[in-house]
Amino acid sequence: MCVKQISITLENVPGKFLAVSECLGREGINIRAISVADTSDFSTVRFVTDNPEKTANVLKSHGYSVHETDVIAVEVPDHPGGLQAVLKPLREANINVCYFYTYLGRGESGQPIVIIGVDKTKEAIEALKKNWVHTFGKEIYSL
């Protein structure tokens, strides 16, 4: 399923990420998935929340530069090699996985969920749906 990801860039100094967390927490926004990639001076923070529109508005009102991106949320079978159920159909459809990170929780079936950033989101969803229904007899997970 396609979900909105919010990305911001933060300076790599103590307390910057805490300020974001406090800002969102005061507004009742729950971070459900998060990834932080750092360089020496800055970090890119990507996250999925329970209310992406409100998240973007709150962060913008506090002076953050916000980037919104469509990403995919999908359940992954929880066993050795389970990630192949997601990665193989993407490779077969010639879709590049740019990054992925885990969702803080599990899907309806109890399986872990990953957030995937790809170069062709719509095509990736179709490839995953086709493979998922064929393999598991049901639709891919929706948040």
N, C-alpha and C. Protein backbone atom coordinates (compact mmCIF):
# COMPACT_ATOMS: atom_id res chain seq x y z
N MET A 1 0.84 -1.18 0.00
CA MET A 1 0.00 0.00 0.00
C MET A 1 0.88 1.24 0.00
N CYS A 2 0.44 2.25 -0.67
CA CYS A 2 1.16 3.51 -0.73
C CYS A 2 0.84 4.35 0.51
N VAL A 3 1.88 4.85 1.17
CA VAL A 3 1.72 5.73 2.32
C VAL A 3 2.61 6.95 2.14
N LYS A 4 2.31 8.02 2.87
CA LYS A 4 3.12 9.24 2.82
C LYS A 4 4.27 9.15 3.81
N GLN A 5 5.44 9.47 3.31
CA GLN A 5 6.63 9.58 4.15
C GLN A 5 6.99 11.06 4.26
N ILE A 6 7.35 11.47 5.44
CA ILE A 6 7.81 12.83 5.69
C ILE A 6 9.32 12.77 5.90
N SER A 7 10.06 13.66 5.23
CA SER A 7 11.51 13.72 5.40
C SER A 7 11.91 15.14 5.77
N ILE A 8 12.87 15.23 6.68
CA ILE A 8 13.45 16.51 7.05
C ILE A 8 14.96 16.32 7.19
N THR A 9 15.68 17.41 7.13
CA THR A 9 17.13 17.39 7.35
C THR A 9 17.41 18.13 8.64
N LEU A 10 18.23 17.50 9.48
CA LEU A 10 18.60 18.10 10.77
C LEU A 10 20.11 18.21 10.88
N GLU A 11 20.56 19.25 11.56
CA GLU A 11 21.98 19.36 11.88
C GLU A 11 22.34 18.25 12.85
N ASN A 12 23.55 17.72 12.73
CA ASN A 12 24.03 16.69 13.65
C ASN A 12 24.59 17.33 14.92
N VAL A 13 23.67 17.82 15.75
CA VAL A 13 24.04 18.38 17.05
C VAL A 13 23.08 17.83 18.09
N PRO A 14 23.53 17.71 19.34
CA PRO A 14 22.68 17.16 20.38
C PRO A 14 21.36 17.92 20.52
N GLY A 15 20.27 17.17 20.64
CA GLY A 15 18.97 17.74 20.93
C GLY A 15 18.10 18.07 19.72
N LYS A 16 18.65 18.04 18.51
CA LYS A 16 17.85 18.40 17.33
C LYS A 16 16.72 17.41 17.09
N PHE A 17 17.01 16.12 17.18
CA PHE A 17 15.96 15.15 16.95
C PHE A 17 14.96 15.14 18.11
N LEU A 18 15.44 15.37 19.32
CA LEU A 18 14.54 15.47 20.47
C LEU A 18 13.53 16.59 20.25
N ALA A 19 13.96 17.70 19.71
CA ALA A 19 13.06 18.83 19.46
C ALA A 19 11.94 18.42 18.50
N VAL A 20 12.27 17.65 17.46
CA VAL A 20 11.25 17.18 16.52
C VAL A 20 10.28 16.25 17.22
N SER A 21 10.80 15.31 17.99
CA SER A 21 9.96 14.36 18.70
C SER A 21 9.02 15.07 19.68
N GLU A 22 9.53 16.05 20.39
CA GLU A 22 8.70 16.81 21.33
C GLU A 22 7.62 17.60 20.60
N CYS A 23 7.99 18.20 19.50
CA CYS A 23 7.07 18.99 18.68
C CYS A 23 5.89 18.12 18.22
N LEU A 24 6.20 16.95 17.70
CA LEU A 24 5.15 16.05 17.23
C LEU A 24 4.34 15.46 18.39
N GLY A 25 5.02 15.10 19.45
CA GLY A 25 4.34 14.54 20.62
C GLY A 25 3.34 15.50 21.23
N ARG A 26 3.70 16.77 21.32
CA ARG A 26 2.77 17.78 21.87
C ARG A 26 1.49 17.88 21.05
N GLU A 27 1.60 17.58 19.76
CA GLU A 27 0.44 17.65 18.86
C GLU A 27 -0.30 16.32 18.75
N GLY A 28 0.13 15.31 19.53
CA GLY A 28 -0.53 14.02 19.52
C GLY A 28 -0.23 13.17 18.29
N ILE A 29 0.89 13.45 17.64
CA ILE A 29 1.27 12.71 16.44
C ILE A 29 2.18 11.55 16.84
N ASN A 30 1.84 10.36 16.37
CA ASN A 30 2.60 9.16 16.70
C ASN A 30 3.48 8.77 15.53
N ILE A 31 4.79 8.67 15.76
CA ILE A 31 5.73 8.20 14.75
C ILE A 31 5.63 6.68 14.70
N ARG A 32 5.29 6.13 13.53
CA ARG A 32 5.08 4.69 13.38
C ARG A 32 6.25 3.98 12.71
N ALA A 33 7.07 4.73 11.96
CA ALA A 33 8.26 4.16 11.34
C ALA A 33 9.27 5.28 11.19
N ILE A 34 10.56 4.94 11.36
CA ILE A 34 11.57 5.99 11.30
C ILE A 34 12.90 5.46 10.80
N SER A 35 13.58 6.30 10.04
CA SER A 35 14.92 6.01 9.55
C SER A 35 15.74 7.28 9.64
N VAL A 36 16.96 7.16 10.15
CA VAL A 36 17.86 8.31 10.22
C VAL A 36 19.17 7.92 9.54
N ALA A 37 19.54 8.70 8.52
CA ALA A 37 20.80 8.48 7.81
C ALA A 37 21.64 9.73 7.99
N ASP A 38 22.85 9.56 8.49
CA ASP A 38 23.65 10.74 8.80
C ASP A 38 24.87 10.89 7.90
N THR A 39 25.29 12.14 7.81
CA THR A 39 26.59 12.49 7.25
C THR A 39 27.33 13.17 8.40
N SER A 40 28.46 13.75 8.14
CA SER A 40 29.19 14.36 9.25
C SER A 40 28.47 15.58 9.83
N ASP A 41 27.75 16.34 9.01
CA ASP A 41 27.13 17.56 9.50
C ASP A 41 25.61 17.51 9.61
N PHE A 42 24.96 16.66 8.80
CA PHE A 42 23.50 16.63 8.76
C PHE A 42 22.98 15.21 8.76
N SER A 43 21.72 15.07 9.16
CA SER A 43 21.02 13.79 9.10
C SER A 43 19.74 13.97 8.30
N THR A 44 19.42 12.97 7.50
CA THR A 44 18.13 12.92 6.83
C THR A 44 17.24 12.01 7.66
N VAL A 45 16.12 12.55 8.10
CA VAL A 45 15.19 11.79 8.92
C VAL A 45 13.95 11.53 8.07
N ARG A 46 13.65 10.24 7.88
CA ARG A 46 12.45 9.83 7.14
C ARG A 46 11.53 9.15 8.13
N PHE A 47 10.25 9.52 8.08
CA PHE A 47 9.32 8.82 8.95
C PHE A 47 7.91 8.78 8.41
N VAL A 48 7.17 7.81 8.92
CA VAL A 48 5.76 7.63 8.64
C VAL A 48 5.06 7.83 9.97
N THR A 49 4.02 8.65 9.96
CA THR A 49 3.26 8.91 11.19
C THR A 49 1.81 8.50 11.01
N ASP A 50 1.06 8.59 12.10
CA ASP A 50 -0.37 8.26 12.03
C ASP A 50 -1.19 9.36 11.36
N ASN A 51 -0.58 10.53 11.10
CA ASN A 51 -1.28 11.62 10.45
C ASN A 51 -0.28 12.46 9.65
N PRO A 52 0.06 12.04 8.41
CA PRO A 52 1.10 12.72 7.66
C PRO A 52 0.78 14.18 7.32
N GLU A 53 -0.47 14.48 7.04
CA GLU A 53 -0.82 15.87 6.70
C GLU A 53 -0.59 16.80 7.90
N LYS A 54 -1.04 16.36 9.06
CA LYS A 54 -0.84 17.16 10.27
C LYS A 54 0.65 17.25 10.59
N THR A 55 1.37 16.15 10.41
CA THR A 55 2.81 16.13 10.66
C THR A 55 3.52 17.19 9.82
N ALA A 56 3.23 17.21 8.52
CA ALA A 56 3.85 18.18 7.63
C ALA A 56 3.52 19.61 8.06
N ASN A 57 2.26 19.85 8.39
CA ASN A 57 1.85 21.19 8.80
C ASN A 57 2.52 21.64 10.09
N VAL A 58 2.60 20.74 11.07
CA VAL A 58 3.23 21.07 12.35
C VAL A 58 4.72 21.37 12.14
N LEU A 59 5.40 20.52 11.40
CA LEU A 59 6.83 20.73 11.18
C LEU A 59 7.10 22.02 10.40
N LYS A 60 6.30 22.29 9.38
CA LYS A 60 6.46 23.53 8.63
C LYS A 60 6.23 24.75 9.53
N SER A 61 5.24 24.66 10.42
CA SER A 61 4.96 25.79 11.32
C SER A 61 6.08 26.03 12.32
N HIS A 62 6.94 25.02 12.51
CA HIS A 62 8.10 25.16 13.39
C HIS A 62 9.39 25.43 12.61
N GLY A 63 9.25 25.74 11.34
CA GLY A 63 10.40 26.16 10.54
C GLY A 63 11.18 25.06 9.85
N TYR A 64 10.69 23.83 9.89
CA TYR A 64 11.39 22.74 9.22
C TYR A 64 11.03 22.72 7.74
N SER A 65 12.00 22.38 6.91
CA SER A 65 11.75 22.17 5.49
C SER A 65 11.31 20.71 5.32
N VAL A 66 10.09 20.52 4.86
CA VAL A 66 9.48 19.20 4.81
C VAL A 66 9.39 18.71 3.38
N HIS A 67 9.77 17.45 3.18
CA HIS A 67 9.64 16.81 1.87
C HIS A 67 8.71 15.61 2.04
N GLU A 68 7.65 15.54 1.24
CA GLU A 68 6.70 14.44 1.30
C GLU A 68 6.91 13.51 0.10
N THR A 69 6.91 12.21 0.36
CA THR A 69 7.17 11.21 -0.66
C THR A 69 6.20 10.05 -0.48
N ASP A 70 5.76 9.47 -1.59
CA ASP A 70 4.99 8.24 -1.53
C ASP A 70 5.96 7.07 -1.40
N VAL A 71 5.69 6.21 -0.42
CA VAL A 71 6.48 4.99 -0.22
C VAL A 71 5.49 3.83 -0.06
N ILE A 72 6.03 2.63 0.03
CA ILE A 72 5.19 1.44 0.12
C ILE A 72 5.33 0.82 1.50
N ALA A 73 4.20 0.43 2.07
CA ALA A 73 4.19 -0.34 3.32
C ALA A 73 3.71 -1.75 2.97
N VAL A 74 4.50 -2.75 3.34
CA VAL A 74 4.15 -4.12 3.00
C VAL A 74 4.59 -5.08 4.10
N GLU A 75 3.76 -6.09 4.35
CA GLU A 75 4.14 -7.12 5.30
C GLU A 75 5.22 -8.01 4.70
N VAL A 76 6.11 -8.47 5.56
CA VAL A 76 7.18 -9.36 5.15
C VAL A 76 7.06 -10.65 5.96
N PRO A 77 7.07 -11.80 5.31
CA PRO A 77 7.03 -13.05 6.06
C PRO A 77 8.19 -13.12 7.06
N ASP A 78 7.88 -13.49 8.29
CA ASP A 78 8.86 -13.50 9.37
C ASP A 78 9.53 -14.87 9.49
N HIS A 79 10.42 -15.14 8.54
CA HIS A 79 11.21 -16.36 8.57
C HIS A 79 12.46 -16.11 7.73
N PRO A 80 13.50 -16.94 7.89
CA PRO A 80 14.71 -16.74 7.10
C PRO A 80 14.38 -16.71 5.60
N GLY A 81 14.86 -15.68 4.93
CA GLY A 81 14.60 -15.52 3.50
C GLY A 81 13.27 -14.87 3.17
N GLY A 82 12.50 -14.48 4.18
CA GLY A 82 11.18 -13.91 3.96
C GLY A 82 11.18 -12.62 3.15
N LEU A 83 12.25 -11.86 3.26
CA LEU A 83 12.35 -10.60 2.54
C LEU A 83 12.35 -10.82 1.02
N GLN A 84 12.72 -12.01 0.59
CA GLN A 84 12.72 -12.32 -0.83
C GLN A 84 11.32 -12.20 -1.45
N ALA A 85 10.27 -12.41 -0.65
CA ALA A 85 8.90 -12.29 -1.15
C ALA A 85 8.60 -10.86 -1.61
N VAL A 86 9.37 -9.91 -1.11
CA VAL A 86 9.22 -8.51 -1.50
C VAL A 86 10.25 -8.13 -2.55
N LEU A 87 11.48 -8.54 -2.36
CA LEU A 87 12.56 -8.09 -3.24
C LEU A 87 12.55 -8.74 -4.63
N LYS A 88 12.21 -10.02 -4.72
CA LYS A 88 12.21 -10.70 -6.03
C LYS A 88 11.23 -10.09 -7.02
N PRO A 89 9.97 -9.86 -6.61
CA PRO A 89 9.05 -9.27 -7.59
C PRO A 89 9.49 -7.87 -8.04
N LEU A 90 10.14 -7.14 -7.16
CA LEU A 90 10.63 -5.81 -7.53
C LEU A 90 11.76 -5.92 -8.55
N ARG A 91 12.68 -6.85 -8.31
CA ARG A 91 13.77 -7.06 -9.27
C ARG A 91 13.23 -7.51 -10.62
N GLU A 92 12.29 -8.44 -10.60
CA GLU A 92 11.71 -8.95 -11.84
C GLU A 92 11.00 -7.86 -12.64
N ALA A 93 10.48 -6.83 -11.94
CA ALA A 93 9.81 -5.71 -12.60
C ALA A 93 10.78 -4.57 -12.89
N ASN A 94 12.09 -4.82 -12.67
CA ASN A 94 13.14 -3.83 -12.91
C ASN A 94 12.92 -2.54 -12.10
N ILE A 95 12.57 -2.73 -10.84
CA ILE A 95 12.34 -1.62 -9.93
C ILE A 95 13.48 -1.56 -8.92
N ASN A 96 14.05 -0.38 -8.77
CA ASN A 96 15.16 -0.20 -7.85
C ASN A 96 14.65 0.13 -6.45
N VAL A 97 15.15 -0.60 -5.46
CA VAL A 97 14.87 -0.29 -4.05
C VAL A 97 15.92 0.73 -3.62
N CYS A 98 15.47 1.94 -3.33
CA CYS A 98 16.40 3.00 -2.92
C CYS A 98 16.73 2.90 -1.43
N TYR A 99 15.75 2.51 -0.64
CA TYR A 99 15.95 2.35 0.80
C TYR A 99 14.73 1.64 1.38
N PHE A 100 14.90 1.06 2.55
CA PHE A 100 13.76 0.57 3.30
C PHE A 100 14.09 0.57 4.78
N TYR A 101 13.05 0.58 5.58
CA TYR A 101 13.18 0.57 7.03
C TYR A 101 11.93 -0.06 7.63
N THR A 102 12.00 -0.42 8.88
CA THR A 102 10.89 -1.15 9.49
C THR A 102 9.86 -0.23 10.12
N TYR A 103 8.66 -0.73 10.11
CA TYR A 103 7.51 -0.10 10.74
C TYR A 103 7.51 -0.55 12.20
N LEU A 104 7.15 0.33 13.11
CA LEU A 104 7.16 0.00 14.55
C LEU A 104 5.84 -0.67 14.92
N GLY A 105 5.72 -1.91 14.58
CA GLY A 105 4.51 -2.67 14.84
C GLY A 105 4.43 -3.82 13.86
N ARG A 106 3.30 -4.50 13.88
CA ARG A 106 3.11 -5.63 12.97
C ARG A 106 1.78 -5.47 12.26
N GLY A 107 1.65 -6.20 11.16
CA GLY A 107 0.42 -6.16 10.38
C GLY A 107 -0.69 -6.98 11.00
N GLU A 108 -1.81 -6.98 10.33
CA GLU A 108 -2.98 -7.72 10.82
C GLU A 108 -2.71 -9.20 11.01
N SER A 109 -1.83 -9.75 10.18
CA SER A 109 -1.51 -11.18 10.29
C SER A 109 -0.39 -11.45 11.28
N GLY A 110 0.13 -10.40 11.92
CA GLY A 110 1.21 -10.57 12.89
C GLY A 110 2.60 -10.49 12.29
N GLN A 111 2.68 -10.30 10.97
CA GLN A 111 3.97 -10.23 10.30
C GLN A 111 4.56 -8.82 10.41
N PRO A 112 5.89 -8.70 10.37
CA PRO A 112 6.51 -7.38 10.39
C PRO A 112 6.18 -6.61 9.10
N ILE A 113 6.28 -5.30 9.18
CA ILE A 113 6.01 -4.43 8.04
C ILE A 113 7.27 -3.66 7.72
N VAL A 114 7.56 -3.50 6.43
CA VAL A 114 8.67 -2.65 6.02
C VAL A 114 8.12 -1.50 5.19
N ILE A 115 8.82 -0.38 5.26
CA ILE A 115 8.55 0.79 4.43
C ILE A 115 9.62 0.78 3.35
N ILE A 116 9.21 0.87 2.09
CA ILE A 116 10.14 0.76 0.98
C ILE A 116 10.04 2.00 0.09
N GLY A 117 11.19 2.62 -0.15
CA GLY A 117 11.28 3.70 -1.12
C GLY A 117 11.84 3.14 -2.41
N VAL A 118 11.11 3.30 -3.51
CA VAL A 118 11.52 2.75 -4.80
C VAL A 118 11.53 3.84 -5.86
N ASP A 119 12.09 3.52 -7.02
CA ASP A 119 12.14 4.50 -8.10
C ASP A 119 10.84 4.58 -8.90
N LYS A 120 9.99 3.55 -8.83
CA LYS A 120 8.73 3.53 -9.58
C LYS A 120 7.63 2.98 -8.65
N THR A 121 7.02 3.85 -7.88
CA THR A 121 6.09 3.43 -6.83
C THR A 121 4.87 2.69 -7.37
N LYS A 122 4.18 3.23 -8.34
CA LYS A 122 2.97 2.58 -8.86
C LYS A 122 3.27 1.20 -9.43
N GLU A 123 4.34 1.11 -10.20
CA GLU A 123 4.71 -0.18 -10.78
C GLU A 123 5.11 -1.19 -9.70
N ALA A 124 5.76 -0.70 -8.66
CA ALA A 124 6.16 -1.58 -7.55
C ALA A 124 4.93 -2.14 -6.83
N ILE A 125 3.95 -1.29 -6.60
CA ILE A 125 2.74 -1.76 -5.93
C ILE A 125 2.07 -2.84 -6.77
N GLU A 126 1.97 -2.63 -8.07
CA GLU A 126 1.35 -3.62 -8.95
C GLU A 126 2.14 -4.93 -8.94
N ALA A 127 3.47 -4.85 -9.01
CA ALA A 127 4.30 -6.06 -8.99
C ALA A 127 4.13 -6.81 -7.68
N LEU A 128 4.08 -6.08 -6.58
CA LEU A 128 3.92 -6.73 -5.27
C LEU A 128 2.53 -7.33 -5.11
N LYS A 129 1.52 -6.61 -5.56
CA LYS A 129 0.15 -7.15 -5.47
C LYS A 129 0.03 -8.45 -6.25
N LYS A 130 0.52 -8.43 -7.46
CA LYS A 130 0.44 -9.62 -8.32
C LYS A 130 1.14 -10.80 -7.65
N ASN A 131 2.35 -10.59 -7.16
CA ASN A 131 3.10 -11.66 -6.52
C ASN A 131 2.47 -12.07 -5.19
N TRP A 132 2.02 -11.10 -4.42
CA TRP A 132 1.49 -11.38 -3.08
C TRP A 132 0.24 -12.23 -3.16
N VAL A 133 -0.69 -11.85 -4.04
CA VAL A 133 -1.93 -12.62 -4.18
C VAL A 133 -1.61 -14.03 -4.68
N HIS A 134 -0.69 -14.13 -5.63
CA HIS A 134 -0.31 -15.44 -6.16
C HIS A 134 0.31 -16.31 -5.07
N THR A 135 1.19 -15.72 -4.24
CA THR A 135 1.91 -16.48 -3.23
C THR A 135 1.08 -16.73 -1.97
N PHE A 136 0.36 -15.68 -1.52
CA PHE A 136 -0.30 -15.77 -0.22
C PHE A 136 -1.83 -15.77 -0.30
N GLY A 137 -2.38 -15.55 -1.49
CA GLY A 137 -3.83 -15.59 -1.65
C GLY A 137 -4.56 -14.42 -1.04
N LYS A 138 -3.87 -13.30 -0.80
CA LYS A 138 -4.54 -12.11 -0.24
C LYS A 138 -3.78 -10.87 -0.68
N GLU A 139 -4.38 -9.73 -0.46
CA GLU A 139 -3.77 -8.46 -0.82
C GLU A 139 -2.58 -8.16 0.09
N ILE A 140 -1.68 -7.27 -0.39
CA ILE A 140 -0.60 -6.81 0.47
C ILE A 140 -1.18 -5.96 1.58
N TYR A 141 -0.42 -5.76 2.60
CA TYR A 141 -0.88 -5.08 3.80
C TYR A 141 -1.23 -3.62 3.54
N SER A 142 -2.25 -3.14 4.21
CA SER A 142 -2.56 -1.71 4.19
C SER A 142 -2.59 -1.19 5.62
N LEU A 143 -1.97 -0.04 5.81
CA LEU A 143 -1.92 0.56 7.14
C LEU A 143 -3.25 1.12 7.55
